[in-house]
Amino acid sequence: IHQGDLAGVCSNMGNVLESVTESRYPIVGRLK
């Protein structure tokens, strides 16, 4: 973000709560 590098931001994005929600609702993973 400090570098203004959007591709770098996106390649490192992540959300640990997906481990809960995506396992219950597979549509979350499919949409991604």
PDB file of all heavy atoms in Angstrom:
ATOM      1  N   ILE A   1       0.848  -1.201   0.000  1.00  0.00           N
ATOM      2  CA  ILE A   1       0.000   0.000   0.000  1.00  0.00           C
ATOM      3  C   ILE A   1       0.882   1.250   0.000  1.00  0.00           C
ATOM      4  O   ILE A   1       0.635   2.210  -0.742  1.00  0.00           O
ATOM      5  CB  ILE A   1      -0.956  -0.007   1.212  1.00  0.00           C
ATOM      6  CG1 ILE A   1      -2.039  -1.074   1.026  1.00  0.00           C
ATOM      7  CG2 ILE A   1      -1.608   1.371   1.393  1.00  0.00           C
ATOM      8  CD1 ILE A   1      -2.937  -1.266   2.235  1.00  0.00           C
ATOM      9  N   HIS A   2       1.921   1.239   0.821  1.00  0.00           N
ATOM     10  CA  HIS A   2       2.850   2.374   0.847  1.00  0.00           C
ATOM     11  C   HIS A   2       3.556   2.555  -0.495  1.00  0.00           C
ATOM     12  O   HIS A   2       3.904   3.685  -0.864  1.00  0.00           O
ATOM     13  CB  HIS A   2       3.886   2.191   1.963  1.00  0.00           C
ATOM     14  CG  HIS A   2       3.395   2.581   3.317  1.00  0.00           C
ATOM     15  ND1 HIS A   2       3.308   3.890   3.730  1.00  0.00           N
ATOM     16  CD2 HIS A   2       2.943   1.834   4.361  1.00  0.00           C
ATOM     17  CE1 HIS A   2       2.834   3.948   4.969  1.00  0.00           C
ATOM     18  NE2 HIS A   2       2.608   2.713   5.383  1.00  0.00           N
ATOM     19  N   GLN A   3       3.752   1.465  -1.219  1.00  0.00           N
ATOM     20  CA  GLN A   3       4.393   1.537  -2.533  1.00  0.00           C
ATOM     21  C   GLN A   3       3.404   1.926  -3.635  1.00  0.00           C
ATOM     22  O   GLN A   3       3.819   2.209  -4.767  1.00  0.00           O
ATOM     23  CB  GLN A   3       5.022   0.184  -2.891  1.00  0.00           C
ATOM     24  CG  GLN A   3       6.095  -0.298  -1.929  1.00  0.00           C
ATOM     25  CD  GLN A   3       7.239   0.669  -1.791  1.00  0.00           C
ATOM     26  OE1 GLN A   3       7.809   1.114  -2.778  1.00  0.00           O
ATOM     27  NE2 GLN A   3       7.573   1.026  -0.552  1.00  0.00           N
ATOM     28  N   GLY A   4       2.111   1.930  -3.305  1.00  0.00           N
ATOM     29  CA  GLY A   4       1.095   2.195  -4.325  1.00  0.00           C
ATOM     30  C   GLY A   4       0.993   1.066  -5.337  1.00  0.00           C
ATOM     31  O   GLY A   4       0.586   1.273  -6.486  1.00  0.00           O
ATOM     32  N   ASP A   5       1.347  -0.145  -4.914  1.00  0.00           N
ATOM     33  CA  ASP A   5       1.402  -1.312  -5.798  1.00  0.00           C
ATOM     34  C   ASP A   5       0.148  -2.162  -5.590  1.00  0.00           C
ATOM     35  O   ASP A   5       0.093  -3.026  -4.705  1.00  0.00           O
ATOM     36  CB  ASP A   5       2.664  -2.114  -5.472  1.00  0.00           C
ATOM     37  CG  ASP A   5       2.893  -3.294  -6.411  1.00  0.00           C
ATOM     38  OD1 ASP A   5       1.939  -3.706  -7.101  1.00  0.00           O
ATOM     39  OD2 ASP A   5       4.023  -3.817  -6.439  1.00  0.00           O
ATOM     40  N   LEU A   6      -0.851  -1.932  -6.424  1.00  0.00           N
ATOM     41  CA  LEU A   6      -2.124  -2.637  -6.274  1.00  0.00           C
ATOM     42  C   LEU A   6      -1.960  -4.131  -6.536  1.00  0.00           C
ATOM     43  O   LEU A   6      -2.567  -4.955  -5.835  1.00  0.00           O
ATOM     44  CB  LEU A   6      -3.175  -2.044  -7.222  1.00  0.00           C
ATOM     45  CG  LEU A   6      -4.582  -2.640  -7.151  1.00  0.00           C
ATOM     46  CD1 LEU A   6      -5.161  -2.513  -5.749  1.00  0.00           C
ATOM     47  CD2 LEU A   6      -5.509  -1.969  -8.172  1.00  0.00           C
ATOM     48  N   ALA A   7      -1.152  -4.501  -7.519  1.00  0.00           N
ATOM     49  CA  ALA A   7      -0.936  -5.925  -7.799  1.00  0.00           C
ATOM     50  C   ALA A   7      -0.276  -6.608  -6.607  1.00  0.00           C
ATOM     51  O   ALA A   7      -0.620  -7.743  -6.253  1.00  0.00           O
ATOM     52  CB  ALA A   7      -0.078  -6.085  -9.055  1.00  0.00           C
ATOM     53  N   GLY A   8       0.678  -5.912  -5.966  1.00  0.00           N
ATOM     54  CA  GLY A   8       1.327  -6.468  -4.783  1.00  0.00           C
ATOM     55  C   GLY A   8       0.351  -6.647  -3.639  1.00  0.00           C
ATOM     56  O   GLY A   8       0.388  -7.654  -2.917  1.00  0.00           O
ATOM     57  N   VAL A   9      -0.545  -5.676  -3.456  1.00  0.00           N
ATOM     58  CA  VAL A   9      -1.589  -5.784  -2.425  1.00  0.00           C
ATOM     59  C   VAL A   9      -2.453  -7.011  -2.692  1.00  0.00           C
ATOM     60  O   VAL A   9      -2.689  -7.844  -1.807  1.00  0.00           O
ATOM     61  CB  VAL A   9      -2.464  -4.508  -2.384  1.00  0.00           C
ATOM     62  CG1 VAL A   9      -3.697  -4.733  -1.499  1.00  0.00           C
ATOM     63  CG2 VAL A   9      -1.665  -3.319  -1.874  1.00  0.00           C
ATOM     64  N   CYS A  10      -2.911  -7.134  -3.940  1.00  0.00           N
ATOM     65  CA  CYS A  10      -3.846  -8.213  -4.277  1.00  0.00           C
ATOM     66  C   CYS A  10      -3.211  -9.599  -4.166  1.00  0.00           C
ATOM     67  O   CYS A  10      -3.871 -10.561  -3.785  1.00  0.00           O
ATOM     68  CB  CYS A  10      -4.398  -7.998  -5.688  1.00  0.00           C
ATOM     69  SG  CYS A  10      -5.545  -6.607  -5.798  1.00  0.00           S
ATOM     70  N   SER A  11      -1.918  -9.691  -4.490  1.00  0.00           N
ATOM     71  CA  SER A  11      -1.251 -10.996  -4.423  1.00  0.00           C
ATOM     72  C   SER A  11      -1.033 -11.448  -2.983  1.00  0.00           C
ATOM     73  O   SER A  11      -0.733 -12.627  -2.734  1.00  0.00           O
ATOM     74  CB  SER A  11       0.078 -10.951  -5.169  1.00  0.00           C
ATOM     75  OG  SER A  11       0.974 -10.047  -4.548  1.00  0.00           O
ATOM     76  N   ASN A  12      -1.200 -10.527  -2.028  1.00  0.00           N
ATOM     77  CA  ASN A  12      -0.999 -10.875  -0.618  1.00  0.00           C
ATOM     78  C   ASN A  12      -2.270 -10.754   0.229  1.00  0.00           C
ATOM     79  O   ASN A  12      -2.222 -10.926   1.441  1.00  0.00           O
ATOM     80  CB  ASN A  12       0.099  -9.987  -0.023  1.00  0.00           C
ATOM     81  CG  ASN A  12       1.474 -10.354  -0.544  1.00  0.00           C
ATOM     82  OD1 ASN A  12       2.101 -11.291  -0.090  1.00  0.00           O
ATOM     83  ND2 ASN A  12       1.940  -9.606  -1.552  1.00  0.00           N
ATOM     84  N   MET A  13      -3.402 -10.446  -0.423  1.00  0.00           N
ATOM     85  CA  MET A  13      -4.663 -10.354   0.321  1.00  0.00           C
ATOM     86  C   MET A  13      -5.018 -11.696   0.943  1.00  0.00           C
ATOM     87  O   MET A  13      -4.647 -12.746   0.428  1.00  0.00           O
ATOM     88  CB  MET A  13      -5.815  -9.925  -0.612  1.00  0.00           C
ATOM     89  CG  MET A  13      -5.755  -8.512  -1.105  1.00  0.00           C
ATOM     90  SD  MET A  13      -7.321  -7.928  -1.844  1.00  0.00           S
ATOM     91  CE  MET A  13      -7.785  -9.273  -2.931  1.00  0.00           C
ATOM     92  N   GLY A  14      -5.748 -11.646   2.027  1.00  0.00           N
ATOM     93  CA  GLY A  14      -6.212 -12.878   2.653  1.00  0.00           C
ATOM     94  C   GLY A  14      -7.109 -12.583   3.828  1.00  0.00           C
ATOM     95  O   GLY A  14      -7.043 -11.501   4.414  1.00  0.00           O
ATOM     96  N   ASN A  15      -7.952 -13.528   4.156  1.00  0.00           N
ATOM     97  CA  ASN A  15      -8.930 -13.367   5.230  1.00  0.00           C
ATOM     98  C   ASN A  15      -9.074 -14.698   5.949  1.00  0.00           C
ATOM     99  O   ASN A  15      -9.619 -15.657   5.394  1.00  0.00           O
ATOM    100  CB  ASN A  15     -10.273 -12.910   4.642  1.00  0.00           C
ATOM    101  CG  ASN A  15     -11.347 -12.682   5.682  1.00  0.00           C
ATOM    102  OD1 ASN A  15     -11.183 -13.038   6.849  1.00  0.00           O
ATOM    103  ND2 ASN A  15     -12.460 -12.107   5.273  1.00  0.00           N
ATOM    104  N   VAL A  16      -8.580 -14.774   7.177  1.00  0.00           N
ATOM    105  CA  VAL A  16      -8.612 -16.048   7.899  1.00  0.00           C
ATOM    106  C   VAL A  16     -10.041 -16.505   8.214  1.00  0.00           C
ATOM    107  O   VAL A  16     -10.273 -17.693   8.447  1.00  0.00           O
ATOM    108  CB  VAL A  16      -7.797 -15.977   9.212  1.00  0.00           C
ATOM    109  CG1 VAL A  16      -6.324 -15.730   8.921  1.00  0.00           C
ATOM    110  CG2 VAL A  16      -8.353 -14.921  10.175  1.00  0.00           C
ATOM    111  N   LEU A  17     -11.010 -15.579   8.213  1.00  0.00           N
ATOM    112  CA  LEU A  17     -12.390 -15.967   8.516  1.00  0.00           C
ATOM    113  C   LEU A  17     -13.052 -16.734   7.373  1.00  0.00           C
ATOM    114  O   LEU A  17     -14.108 -17.344   7.564  1.00  0.00           O
ATOM    115  CB  LEU A  17     -13.223 -14.721   8.857  1.00  0.00           C
ATOM    116  CG  LEU A  17     -12.813 -13.996  10.147  1.00  0.00           C
ATOM    117  CD1 LEU A  17     -13.715 -12.790  10.381  1.00  0.00           C
ATOM    118  CD2 LEU A  17     -12.863 -14.931  11.354  1.00  0.00           C
ATOM    119  N   GLU A  18     -12.409 -16.728   6.200  1.00  0.00           N
ATOM    120  CA  GLU A  18     -12.917 -17.562   5.113  1.00  0.00           C
ATOM    121  C   GLU A  18     -12.895 -19.031   5.517  1.00  0.00           C
ATOM    122  O   GLU A  18     -13.710 -19.825   5.023  1.00  0.00           O
ATOM    123  CB  GLU A  18     -12.068 -17.362   3.851  1.00  0.00           C
ATOM    124  CG  GLU A  18     -12.279 -16.026   3.167  1.00  0.00           C
ATOM    125  CD  GLU A  18     -11.399 -15.839   1.947  1.00  0.00           C
ATOM    126  OE1 GLU A  18     -10.422 -16.605   1.784  1.00  0.00           O
ATOM    127  OE2 GLU A  18     -11.684 -14.924   1.162  1.00  0.00           O
ATOM    128  N   SER A  19     -11.992 -19.398   6.418  1.00  0.00           N
ATOM    129  CA  SER A  19     -11.890 -20.796   6.858  1.00  0.00           C
ATOM    130  C   SER A  19     -13.174 -21.259   7.530  1.00  0.00           C
ATOM    131  O   SER A  19     -13.476 -22.457   7.544  1.00  0.00           O
ATOM    132  CB  SER A  19     -10.709 -20.969   7.815  1.00  0.00           C
ATOM    133  OG  SER A  19     -10.885 -20.197   9.000  1.00  0.00           O
ATOM    134  N   VAL A  20     -13.942 -20.309   8.066  1.00  0.00           N
ATOM    135  CA  VAL A  20     -15.226 -20.645   8.687  1.00  0.00           C
ATOM    136  C   VAL A  20     -16.359 -20.496   7.680  1.00  0.00           C
ATOM    137  O   VAL A  20     -17.099 -21.448   7.399  1.00  0.00           O
ATOM    138  CB  VAL A  20     -15.509 -19.745   9.912  1.00  0.00           C
ATOM    139  CG1 VAL A  20     -16.853 -20.136  10.551  1.00  0.00           C
ATOM    140  CG2 VAL A  20     -14.387 -19.848  10.928  1.00  0.00           C
ATOM    141  N   THR A  21     -16.495 -19.310   7.108  1.00  0.00           N
ATOM    142  CA  THR A  21     -17.650 -19.005   6.260  1.00  0.00           C
ATOM    143  C   THR A  21     -17.646 -19.801   4.966  1.00  0.00           C
ATOM    144  O   THR A  21     -18.676 -20.330   4.539  1.00  0.00           O
ATOM    145  CB  THR A  21     -17.700 -17.497   5.954  1.00  0.00           C
ATOM    146  OG1 THR A  21     -17.644 -16.767   7.185  1.00  0.00           O
ATOM    147  CG2 THR A  21     -18.977 -17.137   5.216  1.00  0.00           C
ATOM    148  N   GLU A  22     -16.473 -19.904   4.329  1.00  0.00           N
ATOM    149  CA  GLU A  22     -16.407 -20.611   3.048  1.00  0.00           C
ATOM    150  C   GLU A  22     -16.671 -22.102   3.213  1.00  0.00           C
ATOM    151  O   GLU A  22     -17.258 -22.748   2.333  1.00  0.00           O
ATOM    152  CB  GLU A  22     -15.043 -20.383   2.401  1.00  0.00           C
ATOM    153  CG  GLU A  22     -14.958 -20.845   0.970  1.00  0.00           C
ATOM    154  CD  GLU A  22     -13.642 -20.460   0.310  1.00  0.00           C
ATOM    155  OE1 GLU A  22     -13.042 -19.433   0.711  1.00  0.00           O
ATOM    156  OE2 GLU A  22     -13.218 -21.189  -0.605  1.00  0.00           O
ATOM    157  N   SER A  23     -16.269 -22.668   4.353  1.00  0.00           N
ATOM    158  CA  SER A  23     -16.516 -24.098   4.571  1.00  0.00           C
ATOM    159  C   SER A  23     -18.015 -24.377   4.724  1.00  0.00           C
ATOM    160  O   SER A  23     -18.493 -25.448   4.369  1.00  0.00           O
ATOM    161  CB  SER A  23     -15.767 -24.576   5.813  1.00  0.00           C
ATOM    162  OG  SER A  23     -16.265 -23.957   6.991  1.00  0.00           O
ATOM    163  N   ARG A  24     -18.746 -23.388   5.243  1.00  0.00           N
ATOM    164  CA  ARG A  24     -20.196 -23.542   5.409  1.00  0.00           C
ATOM    165  C   ARG A  24     -20.961 -23.181   4.142  1.00  0.00           C
ATOM    166  O   ARG A  24     -22.014 -23.760   3.859  1.00  0.00           O
ATOM    167  CB  ARG A  24     -20.679 -22.645   6.551  1.00  0.00           C
ATOM    168  CG  ARG A  24     -20.139 -23.025   7.916  1.00  0.00           C
ATOM    169  CD  ARG A  24     -20.670 -22.084   8.970  1.00  0.00           C
ATOM    170  NE  ARG A  24     -20.220 -22.460  10.310  1.00  0.00           N
ATOM    171  CZ  ARG A  24     -20.597 -21.828  11.409  1.00  0.00           C
ATOM    172  NH1 ARG A  24     -21.410 -20.788  11.329  1.00  0.00           N
ATOM    173  NH2 ARG A  24     -20.162 -22.223  12.598  1.00  0.00           N
ATOM    174  N   TYR A  25     -20.430 -22.211   3.417  1.00  0.00           N
ATOM    175  CA  TYR A  25     -21.121 -21.699   2.233  1.00  0.00           C
ATOM    176  C   TYR A  25     -20.145 -21.720   1.055  1.00  0.00           C
ATOM    177  O   TYR A  25     -19.462 -20.722   0.786  1.00  0.00           O
ATOM    178  CB  TYR A  25     -21.640 -20.280   2.476  1.00  0.00           C
ATOM    179  CG  TYR A  25     -22.540 -20.155   3.681  1.00  0.00           C
ATOM    180  CD1 TYR A  25     -22.065 -19.613   4.876  1.00  0.00           C
ATOM    181  CD2 TYR A  25     -23.866 -20.582   3.643  1.00  0.00           C
ATOM    182  CE1 TYR A  25     -22.883 -19.496   5.985  1.00  0.00           C
ATOM    183  CE2 TYR A  25     -24.691 -20.475   4.746  1.00  0.00           C
ATOM    184  CZ  TYR A  25     -24.189 -19.935   5.920  1.00  0.00           C
ATOM    185  OH  TYR A  25     -25.003 -19.820   7.030  1.00  0.00           O
ATOM    186  N   PRO A  26     -20.079 -22.834   0.337  1.00  0.00           N
ATOM    187  CA  PRO A  26     -19.119 -22.980  -0.769  1.00  0.00           C
ATOM    188  C   PRO A  26     -19.266 -21.925  -1.861  1.00  0.00           C
ATOM    189  O   PRO A  26     -18.321 -21.695  -2.625  1.00  0.00           O
ATOM    190  CB  PRO A  26     -19.434 -24.379  -1.319  1.00  0.00           C
ATOM    191  CG  PRO A  26     -20.057 -25.106  -0.173  1.00  0.00           C
ATOM    192  CD  PRO A  26     -20.833 -24.069   0.588  1.00  0.00           C
ATOM    193  N   ILE A  27     -20.425 -21.259  -1.941  1.00  0.00           N
ATOM    194  CA  ILE A  27     -20.622 -20.224  -2.955  1.00  0.00           C
ATOM    195  C   ILE A  27     -19.594 -19.111  -2.802  1.00  0.00           C
ATOM    196  O   ILE A  27     -19.220 -18.457  -3.776  1.00  0.00           O
ATOM    197  CB  ILE A  27     -22.066 -19.651  -2.897  1.00  0.00           C
ATOM    198  CG1 ILE A  27     -22.311 -18.748  -4.112  1.00  0.00           C
ATOM    199  CG2 ILE A  27     -22.314 -18.903  -1.596  1.00  0.00           C
ATOM    200  CD1 ILE A  27     -23.749 -18.278  -4.235  1.00  0.00           C
ATOM    201  N   VAL A  28     -19.104 -18.893  -1.582  1.00  0.00           N
ATOM    202  CA  VAL A  28     -18.081 -17.869  -1.355  1.00  0.00           C
ATOM    203  C   VAL A  28     -16.832 -18.202  -2.164  1.00  0.00           C
ATOM    204  O   VAL A  28     -16.275 -17.351  -2.863  1.00  0.00           O
ATOM    205  CB  VAL A  28     -17.746 -17.750   0.148  1.00  0.00           C
ATOM    206  CG1 VAL A  28     -16.517 -16.869   0.364  1.00  0.00           C
ATOM    207  CG2 VAL A  28     -18.940 -17.185   0.910  1.00  0.00           C
ATOM    208  N   GLY A  29     -16.390 -19.447  -2.090  1.00  0.00           N
ATOM    209  CA  GLY A  29     -15.222 -19.869  -2.851  1.00  0.00           C
ATOM    210  C   GLY A  29     -15.464 -19.850  -4.351  1.00  0.00           C
ATOM    211  O   GLY A  29     -14.576 -19.466  -5.133  1.00  0.00           O
ATOM    212  N   ARG A  30     -16.659 -20.239  -4.755  1.00  0.00           N
ATOM    213  CA  ARG A  30     -16.976 -20.249  -6.191  1.00  0.00           C
ATOM    214  C   ARG A  30     -16.970 -18.833  -6.767  1.00  0.00           C
ATOM    215  O   ARG A  30     -16.493 -18.607  -7.883  1.00  0.00           O
ATOM    216  CB  ARG A  30     -18.331 -20.919  -6.427  1.00  0.00           C
ATOM    217  CG  ARG A  30     -18.344 -22.411  -6.103  1.00  0.00           C
ATOM    218  CD  ARG A  30     -19.506 -23.116  -6.773  1.00  0.00           C
ATOM    219  NE  ARG A  30     -20.798 -22.574  -6.379  1.00  0.00           N
ATOM    220  CZ  ARG A  30     -21.515 -23.008  -5.344  1.00  0.00           C
ATOM    221  NH1 ARG A  30     -21.047 -23.997  -4.588  1.00  0.00           N
ATOM    222  NH2 ARG A  30     -22.691 -22.474  -5.060  1.00  0.00           N
ATOM    223  N   LEU A  31     -17.508 -17.896  -6.006  1.00  0.00           N
ATOM    224  CA  LEU A  31     -17.527 -16.511  -6.485  1.00  0.00           C
ATOM    225  C   LEU A  31     -16.106 -15.971  -6.651  1.00  0.00           C
ATOM    226  O   LEU A  31     -15.806 -15.271  -7.628  1.00  0.00           O
ATOM    227  CB  LEU A  31     -18.318 -15.621  -5.519  1.00  0.00           C
ATOM    228  CG  LEU A  31     -19.836 -15.713  -5.608  1.00  0.00           C
ATOM    229  CD1 LEU A  31     -20.497 -15.009  -4.418  1.00  0.00           C
ATOM    230  CD2 LEU A  31     -20.345 -15.097  -6.908  1.00  0.00           C
ATOM    231  N   LYS A  32     -15.232 -16.294  -5.718  1.00  0.00           N
ATOM    232  CA  LYS A  32     -13.837 -15.855  -5.846  1.00  0.00           C
ATOM    233  C   LYS A  32     -13.210 -16.436  -7.115  1.00  0.00           C
ATOM    234  O   LYS A  32     -12.537 -15.713  -7.875  1.00  0.00           O
ATOM    235  CB  LYS A  32     -13.030 -16.289  -4.616  1.00  0.00           C
ATOM    236  CG  LYS A  32     -13.380 -15.549  -3.341  1.00  0.00           C
ATOM    237  CD  LYS A  32     -12.342 -15.797  -2.244  1.00  0.00           C
ATOM    238  CE  LYS A  32     -12.253 -17.244  -1.855  1.00  0.00           C
ATOM    239  NZ  LYS A  32     -11.228 -17.508  -0.824  1.00  0.00           N
TER     240      LYS A  32
END
